[in-house]
């Protein structure tokens, strides 16, 4: 069971690495979103 878990973890990490590697950060947009919400990220007020 442990070897299967390790293989599954390796697969998930490799897949996630590909996803994260393709991301870009738009700092200006992040700042504008924070300003719009008053810093209430992931709070009930936003939802």
PDB file of N, CA and C in Angstrom:
ATOM      1  N   UNK A   1       0.814  -1.184   0.000  1.00  0.00           N
ATOM      2  CA  UNK A   1       0.000   0.000   0.000  1.00  0.00           C
ATOM      3  C   UNK A   1       0.867   1.261   0.000  1.00  0.00           C
ATOM      4  N   UNK A   2       1.930   1.278   0.777  1.00  0.00           N
ATOM      5  CA  UNK A   2       2.799   2.453   0.832  1.00  0.00           C
ATOM      6  C   UNK A   2       3.474   2.738  -0.514  1.00  0.00           C
ATOM      7  N   UNK A   3       3.968   1.714  -1.230  1.00  0.00           N
ATOM      8  CA  UNK A   3       4.550   2.011  -2.544  1.00  0.00           C
ATOM      9  C   UNK A   3       3.539   2.645  -3.502  1.00  0.00           C
ATOM     10  N   UNK A   4       2.293   2.168  -3.470  1.00  0.00           N
ATOM     11  CA  UNK A   4       1.262   2.755  -4.326  1.00  0.00           C
ATOM     12  C   UNK A   4       0.995   4.206  -3.945  1.00  0.00           C
ATOM     13  N   UNK A   5       0.984   4.480  -2.663  1.00  0.00           N
ATOM     14  CA  UNK A   5       0.764   5.852  -2.202  1.00  0.00           C
ATOM     15  C   UNK A   5       1.909   6.756  -2.647  1.00  0.00           C
ATOM     16  N   UNK A   6       3.125   6.241  -2.589  1.00  0.00           N
ATOM     17  CA  UNK A   6       4.280   7.028  -3.024  1.00  0.00           C
ATOM     18  C   UNK A   6       4.228   7.301  -4.521  1.00  0.00           C
ATOM     19  N   UNK A   7       3.838   6.311  -5.301  1.00  0.00           N
ATOM     20  CA  UNK A   7       3.713   6.501  -6.746  1.00  0.00           C
ATOM     21  C   UNK A   7       2.617   7.509  -7.076  1.00  0.00           C
ATOM     22  N   UNK A   8       1.506   7.412  -6.381  1.00  0.00           N
ATOM     23  CA  UNK A   8       0.408   8.350  -6.613  1.00  0.00           C
ATOM     24  C   UNK A   8       0.820   9.771  -6.230  1.00  0.00           C
ATOM     25  N   UNK A   9       1.558   9.899  -5.137  1.00  0.00           N
ATOM     26  CA  UNK A   9       2.037  11.213  -4.711  1.00  0.00           C
ATOM     27  C   UNK A   9       3.015  11.788  -5.724  1.00  0.00           C
ATOM     28  N   UNK A  10       3.914  10.956  -6.224  1.00  0.00           N
ATOM     29  CA  UNK A  10       4.873  11.395  -7.236  1.00  0.00           C
ATOM     30  C   UNK A  10       4.152  11.868  -8.494  1.00  0.00           C
ATOM     31  N   UNK A  11       3.155  11.121  -8.925  1.00  0.00           N
ATOM     32  CA  UNK A  11       2.382  11.492 -10.109  1.00  0.00           C
ATOM     33  C   UNK A  11       1.685  12.832  -9.895  1.00  0.00           C
ATOM     34  N   UNK A  12       1.047  12.995  -8.733  1.00  0.00           N
ATOM     35  CA  UNK A  12       0.317  14.231  -8.444  1.00  0.00           C
ATOM     36  C   UNK A  12       1.264  15.428  -8.382  1.00  0.00           C
ATOM     37  N   UNK A  13       2.423  15.242  -7.766  1.00  0.00           N
ATOM     38  CA  UNK A  13       3.391  16.336  -7.674  1.00  0.00           C
ATOM     39  C   UNK A  13       3.945  16.712  -9.045  1.00  0.00           C
ATOM     40  N   UNK A  14       4.222  15.722  -9.871  1.00  0.00           N
ATOM     41  CA  UNK A  14       4.722  16.002 -11.220  1.00  0.00           C
ATOM     42  C   UNK A  14       3.674  16.741 -12.042  1.00  0.00           C
ATOM     43  N   UNK A  15       2.432  16.329 -11.920  1.00  0.00           N
ATOM     44  CA  UNK A  15       1.346  16.992 -12.654  1.00  0.00           C
ATOM     45  C   UNK A  15       1.175  18.423 -12.153  1.00  0.00           C
ATOM     46  N   UNK A  16       1.230  18.610 -10.849  1.00  0.00           N
ATOM     47  CA  UNK A  16       1.071  19.943 -10.280  1.00  0.00           C
ATOM     48  C   UNK A  16       2.233  20.852 -10.670  1.00  0.00           C
ATOM     49  N   UNK A  17       3.424  20.284 -10.773  1.00  0.00           N
ATOM     50  CA  UNK A  17       4.586  21.060 -11.193  1.00  0.00           C
ATOM     51  C   UNK A  17       4.358  21.633 -12.589  1.00  0.00           C
ATOM     52  N   UNK A  18       3.779  20.830 -13.475  1.00  0.00           N
ATOM     53  CA  UNK A  18       3.479  21.311 -14.828  1.00  0.00           C
ATOM     54  C   UNK A  18       2.449  22.427 -14.802  1.00  0.00           C
ATOM     55  N   UNK A  19       1.462  22.312 -13.937  1.00  0.00           N
ATOM     56  CA  UNK A  19       0.425  23.345 -13.834  1.00  0.00           C
ATOM     57  C   UNK A  19       1.024  24.650 -13.315  1.00  0.00           C
ATOM     58  N   UNK A  20       1.768  24.561 -12.228  1.00  0.00           N
ATOM     59  CA  UNK A  20       2.330  25.754 -11.594  1.00  0.00           C
ATOM     60  C   UNK A  20       3.386  26.401 -12.487  1.00  0.00           C
ATOM     61  N   UNK A  21       4.114  25.594 -13.220  1.00  0.00           N
ATOM     62  CA  UNK A  21       5.171  26.103 -14.080  1.00  0.00           C
ATOM     63  C   UNK A  21       4.614  27.028 -15.165  1.00  0.00           C
ATOM     64  N   UNK A  22       3.367  26.818 -15.558  1.00  0.00           N
ATOM     65  CA  UNK A  22       2.770  27.633 -16.606  1.00  0.00           C
ATOM     66  C   UNK A  22       2.043  28.869 -16.108  1.00  0.00           C
ATOM     67  N   UNK A  23       2.019  29.090 -14.806  1.00  0.00           N
ATOM     68  CA  UNK A  23       1.300  30.236 -14.261  1.00  0.00           C
ATOM     69  C   UNK A  23       2.123  31.516 -14.368  1.00  0.00           C
ATOM     70  N   UNK A  24       1.419  32.614 -14.538  1.00  0.00           N
ATOM     71  CA  UNK A  24       2.068  33.917 -14.497  1.00  0.00           C
ATOM     72  C   UNK A  24       1.334  34.777 -13.475  1.00  0.00           C
ATOM     73  N   UNK A  25       2.045  35.719 -12.895  1.00  0.00           N
ATOM     74  CA  UNK A  25       1.472  36.592 -11.872  1.00  0.00           C
ATOM     75  C   UNK A  25       1.293  37.985 -12.465  1.00  0.00           C
ATOM     76  N   UNK A  26       0.084  38.501 -12.367  1.00  0.00           N
ATOM     77  CA  UNK A  26      -0.215  39.871 -12.784  1.00  0.00           C
ATOM     78  C   UNK A  26      -0.380  40.694 -11.508  1.00  0.00           C
ATOM     79  N   UNK A  27       0.723  41.274 -11.054  1.00  0.00           N
ATOM     80  CA  UNK A  27       0.740  41.974  -9.767  1.00  0.00           C
ATOM     81  C   UNK A  27      -0.229  43.150  -9.743  1.00  0.00           C
ATOM     82  N   UNK A  28      -0.353  43.853 -10.857  1.00  0.00           N
ATOM     83  CA  UNK A  28      -1.271  44.996 -10.894  1.00  0.00           C
ATOM     84  C   UNK A  28      -2.712  44.555 -10.706  1.00  0.00           C
ATOM     85  N   UNK A  29      -3.073  43.454 -11.348  1.00  0.00           N
ATOM     86  CA  UNK A  29      -4.441  42.953 -11.200  1.00  0.00           C
ATOM     87  C   UNK A  29      -4.687  42.435  -9.784  1.00  0.00           C
ATOM     88  N   UNK A  30      -3.684  41.765  -9.220  1.00  0.00           N
ATOM     89  CA  UNK A  30      -3.818  41.295  -7.841  1.00  0.00           C
ATOM     90  C   UNK A  30      -4.054  42.468  -6.901  1.00  0.00           C
ATOM     91  N   UNK A  31      -3.287  43.542  -7.086  1.00  0.00           N
ATOM     92  CA  UNK A  31      -3.430  44.719  -6.235  1.00  0.00           C
ATOM     93  C   UNK A  31      -4.815  45.335  -6.404  1.00  0.00           C
ATOM     94  N   UNK A  32      -5.299  45.431  -7.645  1.00  0.00           N
ATOM     95  CA  UNK A  32      -6.617  46.039  -7.862  1.00  0.00           C
ATOM     96  C   UNK A  32      -7.719  45.193  -7.234  1.00  0.00           C
ATOM     97  N   UNK A  33      -7.589  43.878  -7.304  1.00  0.00           N
ATOM     98  CA  UNK A  33      -8.586  43.003  -6.673  1.00  0.00           C
ATOM     99  C   UNK A  33      -8.571  43.155  -5.153  1.00  0.00           C
ATOM    100  N   UNK A  34      -7.385  43.245  -4.583  1.00  0.00           N
ATOM    101  CA  UNK A  34      -7.294  43.449  -3.134  1.00  0.00           C
ATOM    102  C   UNK A  34      -7.885  44.793  -2.735  1.00  0.00           C
ATOM    103  N   UNK A  35      -7.634  45.811  -3.557  1.00  0.00           N
ATOM    104  CA  UNK A  35      -8.194  47.133  -3.269  1.00  0.00           C
ATOM    105  C   UNK A  35      -9.717  47.124  -3.375  1.00  0.00           C
ATOM    106  N   UNK A  36     -10.253  46.402  -4.368  1.00  0.00           N
ATOM    107  CA  UNK A  36     -11.707  46.320  -4.554  1.00  0.00           C
ATOM    108  C   UNK A  36     -12.395  45.658  -3.370  1.00  0.00           C
ATOM    109  N   UNK A  37     -11.773  44.633  -2.827  1.00  0.00           N
ATOM    110  CA  UNK A  37     -12.403  43.863  -1.751  1.00  0.00           C
ATOM    111  C   UNK A  37     -11.995  44.343  -0.367  1.00  0.00           C
ATOM    112  N   UNK A  38     -11.120  45.323  -0.307  1.00  0.00           N
ATOM    113  CA  UNK A  38     -10.668  45.820   0.988  1.00  0.00           C
ATOM    114  C   UNK A  38      -9.842  44.800   1.746  1.00  0.00           C
ATOM    115  N   UNK A  39      -9.225  43.873   1.025  1.00  0.00           N
ATOM    116  CA  UNK A  39      -8.378  42.865   1.653  1.00  0.00           C
ATOM    117  C   UNK A  39      -9.132  41.685   2.238  1.00  0.00           C
ATOM    118  N   UNK A  40     -10.430  41.587   1.967  1.00  0.00           N
ATOM    119  CA  UNK A  40     -11.231  40.488   2.526  1.00  0.00           C
ATOM    120  C   UNK A  40     -11.222  39.291   1.576  1.00  0.00           C
ATOM    121  N   UNK A  41     -10.054  38.753   1.359  1.00  0.00           N
ATOM    122  CA  UNK A  41      -9.897  37.619   0.457  1.00  0.00           C
ATOM    123  C   UNK A  41     -10.454  36.362   1.104  1.00  0.00           C
ATOM    124  N   UNK A  42     -11.256  35.621   0.357  1.00  0.00           N
ATOM    125  CA  UNK A  42     -11.857  34.364   0.817  1.00  0.00           C
ATOM    126  C   UNK A  42     -12.676  34.547   2.089  1.00  0.00           C
ATOM    127  N   UNK A  43     -13.329  35.677   2.229  1.00  0.00           N
ATOM    128  CA  UNK A  43     -14.178  35.871   3.400  1.00  0.00           C
ATOM    129  C   UNK A  43     -15.641  35.821   2.971  1.00  0.00           C
ATOM    130  N   UNK A  44     -16.508  35.690   3.910  1.00  0.00           N
ATOM    131  CA  UNK A  44     -17.936  35.618   3.633  1.00  0.00           C
ATOM    132  C   UNK A  44     -18.426  36.906   2.974  1.00  0.00           C
ATOM    133  N   UNK A  45     -17.806  38.029   3.297  1.00  0.00           N
ATOM    134  CA  UNK A  45     -18.210  39.302   2.703  1.00  0.00           C
ATOM    135  C   UNK A  45     -18.031  39.300   1.190  1.00  0.00           C
ATOM    136  N   UNK A  46     -16.983  38.640   0.711  1.00  0.00           N
ATOM    137  CA  UNK A  46     -16.722  38.575  -0.722  1.00  0.00           C
ATOM    138  C   UNK A  46     -17.673  37.602  -1.387  1.00  0.00           C
ATOM    139  N   UNK A  47     -17.927  36.476  -0.729  1.00  0.00           N
ATOM    140  CA  UNK A  47     -18.779  35.450  -1.315  1.00  0.00           C
ATOM    141  C   UNK A  47     -20.216  35.899  -1.285  1.00  0.00           C
TER     142      UNK A  47
END
